[in-house]
Amino acid sequence: MALFKWDSTLSVKVKDFDTEHQKLVELVNRLHDDMKLGKAKESIAGVLDELISYTQTHFRHEEKVMQANSYPGLLQHKAEHENLICQVAEFKQKFDTGSLTLSISIINFLSDWVKNHIMAVDKQYSDFLNSKGVK
């Protein structure tokens, strides 16, 4: 069962970014489902690796488009991205060494971060990029 679902309130009105955000939602939900099903550490680690990798790819894509369009909030947005990458990398390192078990609080953190980042931070570039013809 999905932890949270994509809906139109999460749309930033940039098709590629919406598609990438949907994939992030899917990965967080898959991580949640695997944890709830008691899947092996290796299985959960694989989904966590995929989430980290995909998040970094998505962030680079957003930043490239923002830079190409001279988005004025790029530096702040990039700092948000770097903060999450550091936090998730720390979770992953602790998970890999056994000093942290994946818990519902970590899954909730990831879920809340994805939702809050899209709603509070990503939506700020929506009108700007749309005005530049990025759809």
Protein backbone atom coordinates (compact mmCIF):
# COMPACT_ATOMS: atom_id res chain seq x y z
CA MET A 1 0.00 0.00 0.00
CA ALA A 2 1.36 3.38 -1.02
CA LEU A 3 2.63 5.69 1.69
CA PHE A 4 1.52 8.65 -0.40
CA LYS A 5 0.15 9.15 -3.87
CA TRP A 6 1.02 11.54 -6.62
CA ASP A 7 -1.78 13.95 -7.45
CA SER A 8 -2.18 17.19 -9.38
CA THR A 9 -1.44 19.33 -6.31
CA LEU A 10 2.19 18.16 -6.62
CA SER A 11 2.50 19.26 -10.25
CA VAL A 12 5.08 21.94 -11.00
CA LYS A 13 3.70 22.28 -14.54
CA VAL A 14 6.96 21.16 -16.11
CA LYS A 15 6.26 17.78 -17.69
CA ASP A 16 9.76 16.28 -17.32
CA PHE A 17 10.01 17.34 -13.68
CA ASP A 18 6.53 16.06 -12.87
CA THR A 19 7.48 12.70 -14.39
CA GLU A 20 10.70 12.63 -12.35
CA HIS A 21 8.83 13.61 -9.18
CA GLN A 22 6.38 10.77 -9.79
CA LYS A 23 9.33 8.38 -9.99
CA LEU A 24 10.66 9.71 -6.65
CA VAL A 25 7.24 9.15 -5.08
CA GLU A 26 7.22 5.63 -6.51
CA LEU A 27 10.68 4.88 -5.07
CA VAL A 28 9.77 6.16 -1.60
CA ASN A 29 6.60 4.05 -1.72
CA ARG A 30 8.57 0.99 -2.85
CA LEU A 31 11.05 1.47 -0.02
CA HIS A 32 8.14 1.75 2.43
CA ASP A 33 6.46 -1.38 1.04
CA ASP A 34 9.69 -3.41 1.14
CA MET A 35 10.30 -2.38 4.73
CA LYS A 36 6.75 -3.25 5.78
CA LEU A 37 7.02 -6.64 4.05
CA GLY A 38 10.20 -7.38 5.98
CA LYS A 39 12.27 -7.80 2.85
CA ALA A 40 15.93 -8.59 3.22
CA LYS A 41 18.41 -5.84 3.97
CA GLU A 42 19.96 -6.32 0.51
CA SER A 43 16.62 -5.72 -1.21
CA ILE A 44 15.95 -2.59 0.82
CA ALA A 45 19.52 -1.39 0.24
CA GLY A 46 19.00 -1.77 -3.52
CA VAL A 47 15.88 0.41 -3.46
CA LEU A 48 17.64 2.94 -1.24
CA ASP A 49 20.58 3.03 -3.70
CA GLU A 50 18.16 3.55 -6.59
CA LEU A 51 16.39 6.35 -4.71
CA ILE A 52 19.71 8.09 -4.00
CA SER A 53 20.92 7.73 -7.58
CA TYR A 54 17.64 8.85 -9.13
CA THR A 55 17.38 11.81 -6.76
CA GLN A 56 20.86 12.99 -7.77
CA THR A 57 19.99 12.61 -11.48
CA HIS A 58 16.75 14.54 -11.00
CA PHE A 59 18.48 17.31 -9.04
CA ARG A 60 21.13 17.73 -11.76
CA HIS A 61 18.38 17.96 -14.38
CA GLU A 62 16.45 20.61 -12.43
CA GLU A 63 19.61 22.63 -11.79
CA LYS A 64 20.66 22.46 -15.45
CA VAL A 65 17.28 23.76 -16.63
CA MET A 66 17.25 26.46 -13.95
CA GLN A 67 20.75 27.56 -14.90
CA ALA A 68 19.95 27.59 -18.63
CA ASN A 69 16.99 29.86 -17.88
CA SER A 70 18.77 32.10 -15.35
CA TYR A 71 16.46 31.14 -12.51
CA PRO A 72 17.14 33.66 -9.70
CA GLY A 73 16.62 31.10 -6.91
CA LEU A 74 19.12 28.58 -8.28
CA LEU A 75 21.71 28.87 -5.50
CA GLN A 76 19.13 28.44 -2.74
CA HIS A 77 17.52 25.55 -4.60
CA LYS A 78 20.89 23.89 -5.10
CA ALA A 79 21.62 24.23 -1.37
CA GLU A 80 18.32 22.44 -0.60
CA HIS A 81 19.36 19.63 -2.94
CA GLU A 82 22.81 19.32 -1.39
CA ASN A 83 21.29 19.18 2.10
CA LEU A 84 19.01 16.28 1.20
CA ILE A 85 21.78 14.40 -0.60
CA CYS A 86 23.96 14.68 2.52
CA GLN A 87 21.14 13.52 4.82
CA VAL A 88 20.21 10.54 2.66
CA ALA A 89 23.87 9.57 2.15
CA GLU A 90 24.27 9.60 5.93
CA PHE A 91 21.19 7.36 6.33
CA LYS A 92 22.59 5.00 3.71
CA GLN A 93 26.06 4.85 5.29
CA LYS A 94 24.57 4.08 8.70
CA PHE A 95 22.21 1.51 7.19
CA ASP A 96 25.10 -0.20 5.36
CA THR A 97 27.20 -0.41 8.53
CA GLY A 98 24.31 -1.71 10.60
CA SER A 99 24.21 1.26 12.96
CA LEU A 100 20.79 2.27 11.66
CA THR A 101 17.80 0.17 10.78
CA LEU A 102 15.39 1.51 8.25
CA SER A 103 12.40 2.63 10.26
CA ILE A 104 9.08 4.25 9.59
CA SER A 105 10.52 7.54 10.90
CA ILE A 106 13.16 7.53 8.14
CA ILE A 107 10.59 6.58 5.52
CA ASN A 108 8.32 9.35 6.80
CA PHE A 109 11.23 11.80 6.66
CA LEU A 110 11.86 10.88 3.00
CA SER A 111 8.17 11.04 2.15
CA ASP A 112 7.71 14.39 3.89
CA TRP A 113 10.84 15.77 2.31
CA VAL A 114 9.73 14.84 -1.20
CA LYS A 115 6.25 16.32 -0.65
CA ASN A 116 7.49 19.43 1.14
CA HIS A 117 10.32 20.05 -1.30
CA ILE A 118 7.95 19.86 -4.26
CA MET A 119 5.22 21.93 -2.63
CA ALA A 120 7.36 24.61 -0.97
CA VAL A 121 10.55 24.79 -3.05
CA ASP A 122 9.95 23.35 -6.52
CA LYS A 123 6.66 25.15 -7.02
CA GLN A 124 8.60 28.42 -6.73
CA TYR A 125 10.23 27.82 -10.13
CA SER A 126 7.03 26.71 -11.85
CA ASP A 127 5.72 30.07 -13.07
CA PHE A 128 9.22 31.34 -13.81
CA LEU A 129 10.16 28.36 -15.99
CA ASN A 130 6.75 28.30 -17.65
CA SER A 131 7.21 31.99 -18.56
CA LYS A 132 10.48 31.00 -20.24
CA GLY A 133 8.68 28.37 -22.31
CA VAL A 134 9.69 25.35 -20.25
CA LYS A 135 6.61 23.16 -20.10
